């Protein structure tokens, strides 16, 4: 995408309108992505001849570093000889002063704008940003419209589904102490009862010493 003369005129007119509101006649320069002059106007003609060259240098510097000239001045001022070296190499098309901005469209730098001659601090930046606001309006107009949802066969437009509410985890109910079960007494039948110990009547020991002597009378030591 390149910077057309029609787009440059829209940016210039928006910047001029802001300069009139501020009652600050300025010089406005617009360059392409290569730093070549596309459009220029000096509102204070025939006065303010120096502001013309300064505005062109601001626009070229903004394209050269792809950032505002105020940002370049903040870090470039700490480098000894930086400003003078760049101004010499670019034949005066480099300057470290607020009022220059790159012109970007859809993420690409297509040019730069420089404003000089503001009658108060910050006026140059204010006028330049007013011109860049035209690009935002153009991008909004170029954005594709959001397609509408087709109506249903019943003639009622479908309603978007309602997301279900997240289910809350149930808390564990407190354990209820169970009642003790009643003791069950089981009556066992007599047939299953443990066998009782039977006590037999005492009997004479057939092998007592008296019986031994009686039945062994013929043996040595037996009772005669």
C-alpha atoms as a PDB file:
ATOM      1  CA  UNK A   1       0.000   0.000   0.000  1.00  0.00           C
ATOM      2  CA  UNK A   2       1.345   3.426  -1.019  1.00  0.00           C
ATOM      3  CA  UNK A   3       0.475   6.971  -0.085  1.00  0.00           C
ATOM      4  CA  UNK A   4      -1.809   8.423  -2.756  1.00  0.00           C
ATOM      5  CA  UNK A   5      -2.218  12.128  -3.442  1.00  0.00           C
ATOM      6  CA  UNK A   6      -5.890  11.869  -2.468  1.00  0.00           C
ATOM      7  CA  UNK A   7      -5.035  10.433   0.956  1.00  0.00           C
ATOM      8  CA  UNK A   8      -2.317  13.064   1.405  1.00  0.00           C
ATOM      9  CA  UNK A   9      -4.857  15.826   0.713  1.00  0.00           C
ATOM     10  CA  UNK A  10      -7.253  14.410   3.320  1.00  0.00           C
ATOM     11  CA  UNK A  11      -4.510  14.350   5.931  1.00  0.00           C
ATOM     12  CA  UNK A  12      -3.413  17.866   5.034  1.00  0.00           C
ATOM     13  CA  UNK A  13      -6.928  19.305   5.216  1.00  0.00           C
ATOM     14  CA  UNK A  14      -7.574  17.704   8.600  1.00  0.00           C
ATOM     15  CA  UNK A  15      -4.330  19.175   9.934  1.00  0.00           C
ATOM     16  CA  UNK A  16      -5.170  22.607   8.554  1.00  0.00           C
ATOM     17  CA  UNK A  17      -8.580  22.487  10.197  1.00  0.00           C
ATOM     18  CA  UNK A  18      -7.003  21.794  13.564  1.00  0.00           C
ATOM     19  CA  UNK A  19      -4.458  24.588  13.053  1.00  0.00           C
ATOM     20  CA  UNK A  20      -7.297  27.052  12.371  1.00  0.00           C
ATOM     21  CA  UNK A  21      -9.061  25.934  15.562  1.00  0.00           C
ATOM     22  CA  UNK A  22      -5.876  26.617  17.528  1.00  0.00           C
ATOM     23  CA  UNK A  23      -5.245  29.865  15.613  1.00  0.00           C
ATOM     24  CA  UNK A  24      -1.775  28.619  14.896  1.00  0.00           C
ATOM     25  CA  UNK A  25      -0.700  29.046  11.247  1.00  0.00           C
ATOM     26  CA  UNK A  26       1.864  26.370  10.472  1.00  0.00           C
ATOM     27  CA  UNK A  27       3.729  24.714   7.623  1.00  0.00           C
ATOM     28  CA  UNK A  28       2.649  21.129   6.834  1.00  0.00           C
ATOM     29  CA  UNK A  29       4.686  18.658   4.781  1.00  0.00           C
ATOM     30  CA  UNK A  30       3.740  15.111   3.764  1.00  0.00           C
ATOM     31  CA  UNK A  31       6.283  12.669   2.321  1.00  0.00           C
ATOM     32  CA  UNK A  32       6.018   9.101   1.038  1.00  0.00           C
ATOM     33  CA  UNK A  33       7.739   5.986   2.447  1.00  0.00           C
ATOM     34  CA  UNK A  34      10.997   6.986   0.726  1.00  0.00           C
ATOM     35  CA  UNK A  35      11.041  10.471   2.236  1.00  0.00           C
ATOM     36  CA  UNK A  36      10.095  12.190  -1.047  1.00  0.00           C
ATOM     37  CA  UNK A  37       7.821  15.225  -0.798  1.00  0.00           C
ATOM     38  CA  UNK A  38       4.217  14.531  -1.831  1.00  0.00           C
ATOM     39  CA  UNK A  39       2.326  17.572  -0.548  1.00  0.00           C
ATOM     40  CA  UNK A  40       3.268  20.806   1.198  1.00  0.00           C
ATOM     41  CA  UNK A  41       1.495  23.940   2.359  1.00  0.00           C
ATOM     42  CA  UNK A  42       2.641  26.994   4.281  1.00  0.00           C
ATOM     43  CA  UNK A  43      -0.300  28.668   5.971  1.00  0.00           C
ATOM     44  CA  UNK A  44       1.674  31.793   6.912  1.00  0.00           C
ATOM     45  CA  UNK A  45       2.745  32.676   3.360  1.00  0.00           C
ATOM     46  CA  UNK A  46       4.733  34.740   2.614  1.00  0.00           C
ATOM     47  CA  UNK A  47       6.054  34.590   6.177  1.00  0.00           C
ATOM     48  CA  UNK A  48       7.466  31.641   8.029  1.00  0.00           C
ATOM     49  CA  UNK A  49       9.832  30.530   5.281  1.00  0.00           C
ATOM     50  CA  UNK A  50      12.031  28.671   7.792  1.00  0.00           C
ATOM     51  CA  UNK A  51       9.100  26.564   9.011  1.00  0.00           C
ATOM     52  CA  UNK A  52       8.733  25.083   5.524  1.00  0.00           C
ATOM     53  CA  UNK A  53      12.155  23.408   5.524  1.00  0.00           C
ATOM     54  CA  UNK A  54      11.735  22.352   9.150  1.00  0.00           C
ATOM     55  CA  UNK A  55       8.387  20.651   8.455  1.00  0.00           C
ATOM     56  CA  UNK A  56       9.907  18.715   5.548  1.00  0.00           C
ATOM     57  CA  UNK A  57      12.816  17.627   7.740  1.00  0.00           C
ATOM     58  CA  UNK A  58      10.400  16.471  10.453  1.00  0.00           C
ATOM     59  CA  UNK A  59       8.391  14.368   8.008  1.00  0.00           C
ATOM     60  CA  UNK A  60      11.556  12.783   6.562  1.00  0.00           C
ATOM     61  CA  UNK A  61      12.975  12.059  10.023  1.00  0.00           C
ATOM     62  CA  UNK A  62       9.748  10.338  11.114  1.00  0.00           C
ATOM     63  CA  UNK A  63       9.889   8.038   8.086  1.00  0.00           C
ATOM     64  CA  UNK A  64      13.625   7.435   8.500  1.00  0.00           C
ATOM     65  CA  UNK A  65      13.265   6.076  12.056  1.00  0.00           C
ATOM     66  CA  UNK A  66       9.619   4.950  11.837  1.00  0.00           C
ATOM     67  CA  UNK A  67       8.729   6.854  14.996  1.00  0.00           C
ATOM     68  CA  UNK A  68       7.835  10.341  16.087  1.00  0.00           C
ATOM     69  CA  UNK A  69      10.544  12.978  15.985  1.00  0.00           C
ATOM     70  CA  UNK A  70       9.951  13.681  19.663  1.00  0.00           C
ATOM     71  CA  UNK A  71      10.913  10.055  20.438  1.00  0.00           C
ATOM     72  CA  UNK A  72      14.024  10.386  18.274  1.00  0.00           C
ATOM     73  CA  UNK A  73      15.011  13.535  20.160  1.00  0.00           C
ATOM     74  CA  UNK A  74      14.693  11.796  23.529  1.00  0.00           C
ATOM     75  CA  UNK A  75      17.240   9.073  22.786  1.00  0.00           C
ATOM     76  CA  UNK A  76      19.268  10.856  20.091  1.00  0.00           C
ATOM     77  CA  UNK A  77      20.160  13.824  22.263  1.00  0.00           C
ATOM     78  CA  UNK A  78      22.382  11.595  24.385  1.00  0.00           C
ATOM     79  CA  UNK A  79      24.585  10.606  21.431  1.00  0.00           C
ATOM     80  CA  UNK A  80      27.358  13.141  20.781  1.00  0.00           C
ATOM     81  CA  UNK A  81      27.409  14.415  17.193  1.00  0.00           C
ATOM     82  CA  UNK A  82      24.341  12.380  16.223  1.00  0.00           C
ATOM     83  CA  UNK A  83      22.135  15.282  15.104  1.00  0.00           C
ATOM     84  CA  UNK A  84      24.830  17.112  13.154  1.00  0.00           C
ATOM     85  CA  UNK A  85      26.029  13.954  11.418  1.00  0.00           C
ATOM     86  CA  UNK A  86      22.534  12.943  10.282  1.00  0.00           C
ATOM     87  CA  UNK A  87      21.682  16.450   9.157  1.00  0.00           C
ATOM     88  CA  UNK A  88      24.833  16.533   6.997  1.00  0.00           C
ATOM     89  CA  UNK A  89      24.261  13.089   5.480  1.00  0.00           C
ATOM     90  CA  UNK A  90      20.622  13.865   4.613  1.00  0.00           C
ATOM     91  CA  UNK A  91      21.273  17.380   3.285  1.00  0.00           C
ATOM     92  CA  UNK A  92      19.314  18.983   6.102  1.00  0.00           C
ATOM     93  CA  UNK A  93      16.395  16.534   6.105  1.00  0.00           C
ATOM     94  CA  UNK A  94      16.982  15.440   9.682  1.00  0.00           C
ATOM     95  CA  UNK A  95      15.928  17.270  12.808  1.00  0.00           C
ATOM     96  CA  UNK A  96      15.264  16.363  16.443  1.00  0.00           C
ATOM     97  CA  UNK A  97      12.146  18.363  17.350  1.00  0.00           C
ATOM     98  CA  UNK A  98       8.525  17.446  18.071  1.00  0.00           C
ATOM     99  CA  UNK A  99       6.004  17.672  15.221  1.00  0.00           C
ATOM    100  CA  UNK A 100       6.896  14.729  12.935  1.00  0.00           C
ATOM    101  CA  UNK A 101       4.969  11.435  12.803  1.00  0.00           C
ATOM    102  CA  UNK A 102       5.037   8.361  10.547  1.00  0.00           C
ATOM    103  CA  UNK A 103       1.903   7.665   8.547  1.00  0.00           C
ATOM    104  CA  UNK A 104       0.895   4.035   9.072  1.00  0.00           C
ATOM    105  CA  UNK A 105      -1.930   2.114   7.495  1.00  0.00           C
ATOM    106  CA  UNK A 106      -2.771  -1.523   8.210  1.00  0.00           C
ATOM    107  CA  UNK A 107       0.524  -2.003  10.024  1.00  0.00           C
ATOM    108  CA  UNK A 108       2.726  -0.565   7.229  1.00  0.00           C
ATOM    109  CA  UNK A 109       4.493   2.814   7.145  1.00  0.00           C
ATOM    110  CA  UNK A 110       3.444   4.565   3.950  1.00  0.00           C
ATOM    111  CA  UNK A 111       4.781   8.056   4.630  1.00  0.00           C
ATOM    112  CA  UNK A 112       5.310  10.801   7.170  1.00  0.00           C
ATOM    113  CA  UNK A 113       3.880  14.156   8.206  1.00  0.00           C
ATOM    114  CA  UNK A 114       5.805  17.123   9.588  1.00  0.00           C
ATOM    115  CA  UNK A 115       4.387  20.285  11.142  1.00  0.00           C
ATOM    116  CA  UNK A 116       6.339  23.391  12.146  1.00  0.00           C
ATOM    117  CA  UNK A 117       5.467  26.908  13.262  1.00  0.00           C
ATOM    118  CA  UNK A 118       3.155  26.255  16.203  1.00  0.00           C
ATOM    119  CA  UNK A 119       2.773  29.272  18.429  1.00  0.00           C
ATOM    120  CA  UNK A 120       2.790  27.245  21.682  1.00  0.00           C
ATOM    121  CA  UNK A 121       4.536  24.136  22.989  1.00  0.00           C
ATOM    122  CA  UNK A 122       2.897  20.966  21.741  1.00  0.00           C
ATOM    123  CA  UNK A 123       0.953  22.654  18.942  1.00  0.00           C
ATOM    124  CA  UNK A 124       2.967  21.007  16.163  1.00  0.00           C
ATOM    125  CA  UNK A 125       2.230  17.530  17.533  1.00  0.00           C
ATOM    126  CA  UNK A 126      -1.433  18.393  18.056  1.00  0.00           C
ATOM    127  CA  UNK A 127      -1.869  19.511  14.448  1.00  0.00           C
ATOM    128  CA  UNK A 128      -0.017  16.481  13.077  1.00  0.00           C
ATOM    129  CA  UNK A 129      -2.088  13.982  15.094  1.00  0.00           C
ATOM    130  CA  UNK A 130      -5.289  15.608  13.861  1.00  0.00           C
ATOM    131  CA  UNK A 131      -4.271  14.711  10.317  1.00  0.00           C
ATOM    132  CA  UNK A 132      -3.461  11.126  11.305  1.00  0.00           C
ATOM    133  CA  UNK A 133      -6.954  10.758  12.795  1.00  0.00           C
ATOM    134  CA  UNK A 134      -8.278  10.648   9.219  1.00  0.00           C
ATOM    135  CA  UNK A 135      -6.663   7.232   8.807  1.00  0.00           C
ATOM    136  CA  UNK A 136      -8.524   5.829  11.798  1.00  0.00           C
ATOM    137  CA  UNK A 137     -11.844   6.967  10.332  1.00  0.00           C
ATOM    138  CA  UNK A 138     -10.961   5.432   6.967  1.00  0.00           C
ATOM    139  CA  UNK A 139     -10.036   2.093   8.499  1.00  0.00           C
ATOM    140  CA  UNK A 140     -13.326   1.960  10.374  1.00  0.00           C
ATOM    141  CA  UNK A 141     -15.218   2.652   7.139  1.00  0.00           C
ATOM    142  CA  UNK A 142     -13.240  -0.066   5.310  1.00  0.00           C
ATOM    143  CA  UNK A 143     -13.938  -2.680   7.976  1.00  0.00           C
ATOM    144  CA  UNK A 144     -16.346  -5.376   6.703  1.00  0.00           C
ATOM    145  CA  UNK A 145     -19.797  -5.244   8.321  1.00  0.00           C
ATOM    146  CA  UNK A 146     -20.758  -7.933  10.781  1.00  0.00           C
ATOM    147  CA  UNK A 147     -23.243 -10.288   9.050  1.00  0.00           C
ATOM    148  CA  UNK A 148     -26.649 -10.465  10.692  1.00  0.00           C
ATOM    149  CA  UNK A 149     -27.996 -13.816  11.788  1.00  0.00           C
ATOM    150  CA  UNK A 150     -30.645 -15.195   9.409  1.00  0.00           C
ATOM    151  CA  UNK A 151     -34.156 -15.444  10.925  1.00  0.00           C
ATOM    152  CA  UNK A 152     -35.578 -18.867  11.653  1.00  0.00           C
ATOM    153  CA  UNK A 153     -38.429 -20.424   9.683  1.00  0.00           C
ATOM    154  CA  UNK A 154     -40.903 -19.406  12.364  1.00  0.00           C
ATOM    155  CA  UNK A 155     -40.057 -15.756  11.765  1.00  0.00           C
ATOM    156  CA  UNK A 156     -38.492 -15.329  15.176  1.00  0.00           C
ATOM    157  CA  UNK A 157     -34.830 -14.528  15.224  1.00  0.00           C
ATOM    158  CA  UNK A 158     -32.879 -17.190  17.035  1.00  0.00           C
ATOM    159  CA  UNK A 159     -31.739 -16.220  20.457  1.00  0.00           C
ATOM    160  CA  UNK A 160     -28.179 -16.944  21.378  1.00  0.00           C
ATOM    161  CA  UNK A 161     -27.778 -19.875  23.734  1.00  0.00           C
ATOM    162  CA  UNK A 162     -27.555 -18.909  27.356  1.00  0.00           C
ATOM    163  CA  UNK A 163     -24.450 -20.373  28.908  1.00  0.00           C
ATOM    164  CA  UNK A 164     -25.210 -22.750  31.697  1.00  0.00           C
ATOM    165  CA  UNK A 165     -24.308 -21.608  35.147  1.00  0.00           C
ATOM    166  CA  UNK A 166     -21.366 -23.472  36.569  1.00  0.00           C
ATOM    167  CA  UNK A 167     -22.437 -26.170  38.939  1.00  0.00           C
ATOM    168  CA  UNK A 168     -21.303 -25.684  42.480  1.00  0.00           C
ATOM    169  CA  UNK A 169     -19.849 -28.753  44.116  1.00  0.00           C
ATOM    170  CA  UNK A 170     -22.105 -30.155  46.755  1.00  0.00           C
ATOM    171  CA  UNK A 171     -20.700 -30.122  50.236  1.00  0.00           C
ATOM    172  CA  UNK A 172     -20.458 -33.473  51.909  1.00  0.00           C
ATOM    173  CA  UNK A 173     -23.370 -33.747  54.341  1.00  0.00           C
ATOM    174  CA  UNK A 174     -22.369 -34.462  57.917  1.00  0.00           C
ATOM    175  CA  UNK A 175     -22.470 -38.100  58.805  1.00  0.00           C
ATOM    176  CA  UNK A 176     -25.513 -39.019  60.896  1.00  0.00           C
ATOM    177  CA  UNK A 177     -24.644 -41.415  63.684  1.00  0.00           C
ATOM    178  CA  UNK A 178     -26.583 -44.616  63.208  1.00  0.00           C
ATOM    179  CA  UNK A 179     -28.584 -46.032  66.114  1.00  0.00           C
ATOM    180  CA  UNK A 180     -27.107 -49.172  67.614  1.00  0.00           C
ATOM    181  CA  UNK A 181     -28.858 -52.303  66.410  1.00  0.00           C
ATOM    182  CA  UNK A 182     -30.675 -54.274  69.121  1.00  0.00           C
ATOM    183  CA  UNK A 183     -28.959 -57.371  70.350  1.00  0.00           C
ATOM    184  CA  UNK A 184     -30.514 -60.555  68.978  1.00  0.00           C
ATOM    185  CA  UNK A 185     -30.567 -63.560  71.274  1.00  0.00           C
ATOM    186  CA  UNK A 186     -30.644 -66.794  69.357  1.00  0.00           C
ATOM    187  CA  UNK A 187     -32.036 -69.806  71.114  1.00  0.00           C
ATOM    188  CA  UNK A 188     -30.187 -72.859  69.999  1.00  0.00           C
ATOM    189  CA  UNK A 189     -32.103 -76.189  69.779  1.00  0.00           C
ATOM    190  CA  UNK A 190     -31.131 -78.944  72.027  1.00  0.00           C
ATOM    191  CA  UNK A 191     -29.748 -80.952  69.156  1.00  0.00           C
ATOM    192  CA  UNK A 192     -27.157 -78.197  68.474  1.00  0.00           C
ATOM    193  CA  UNK A 193     -26.287 -77.671  72.110  1.00  0.00           C
ATOM    194  CA  UNK A 194     -22.799 -78.507  73.132  1.00  0.00           C
ATOM    195  CA  UNK A 195     -22.562 -82.049  74.517  1.00  0.00           C
ATOM    196  CA  UNK A 196     -22.558 -82.075  78.270  1.00  0.00           C
ATOM    197  CA  UNK A 197     -19.948 -83.985  80.212  1.00  0.00           C
ATOM    198  CA  UNK A 198     -21.364 -87.279  81.561  1.00  0.00           C
ATOM    199  CA  UNK A 199     -20.007 -88.469  84.860  1.00  0.00           C
ATOM    200  CA  UNK A 200     -20.004 -92.296  85.003  1.00  0.00           C
ATOM    201  CA  UNK A 201     -20.411 -93.973  88.330  1.00  0.00           C
ATOM    202  CA  UNK A 202     -17.199 -95.048  89.951  1.00  0.00           C
ATOM    203  CA  UNK A 203     -16.245 -98.659  89.315  1.00  0.00           C
ATOM    204  CA  UNK A 204     -13.860-100.884  91.036  1.00  0.00           C
ATOM    205  CA  UNK A 205     -10.469-100.998  89.475  1.00  0.00           C
ATOM    206  CA  UNK A 206     -10.073-104.546  88.188  1.00  0.00           C
ATOM    207  CA  UNK A 207      -6.370-104.032  88.303  1.00  0.00           C
ATOM    208  CA  UNK A 208      -6.028-103.007  91.908  1.00  0.00           C
ATOM    209  CA  UNK A 209      -3.416-104.554  94.078  1.00  0.00           C
ATOM    210  CA  UNK A 210      -5.985-106.815  95.795  1.00  0.00           C
ATOM    211  CA  UNK A 211      -7.211-108.177  92.509  1.00  0.00           C
ATOM    212  CA  UNK A 212      -3.697-108.672  91.328  1.00  0.00           C
ATOM    213  CA  UNK A 213      -2.821-110.659  94.354  1.00  0.00           C
ATOM    214  CA  UNK A 214      -6.023-112.654  94.072  1.00  0.00           C
ATOM    215  CA  UNK A 215      -5.639-113.729  90.477  1.00  0.00           C
ATOM    216  CA  UNK A 216      -1.876-114.243  90.711  1.00  0.00           C
ATOM    217  CA  UNK A 217      -1.710-116.458  93.708  1.00  0.00           C
ATOM    218  CA  UNK A 218       0.224-119.134  91.839  1.00  0.00           C
ATOM    219  CA  UNK A 219       2.972-116.761  90.820  1.00  0.00           C
ATOM    220  CA  UNK A 220       5.964-115.894  92.870  1.00  0.00           C
ATOM    221  CA  UNK A 221       5.082-113.128  95.266  1.00  0.00           C
ATOM    222  CA  UNK A 222       1.326-113.804  94.850  1.00  0.00           C
ATOM    223  CA  UNK A 223      -1.088-114.022  97.710  1.00  0.00           C
ATOM    224  CA  UNK A 224      -1.474-117.527  99.054  1.00  0.00           C
END
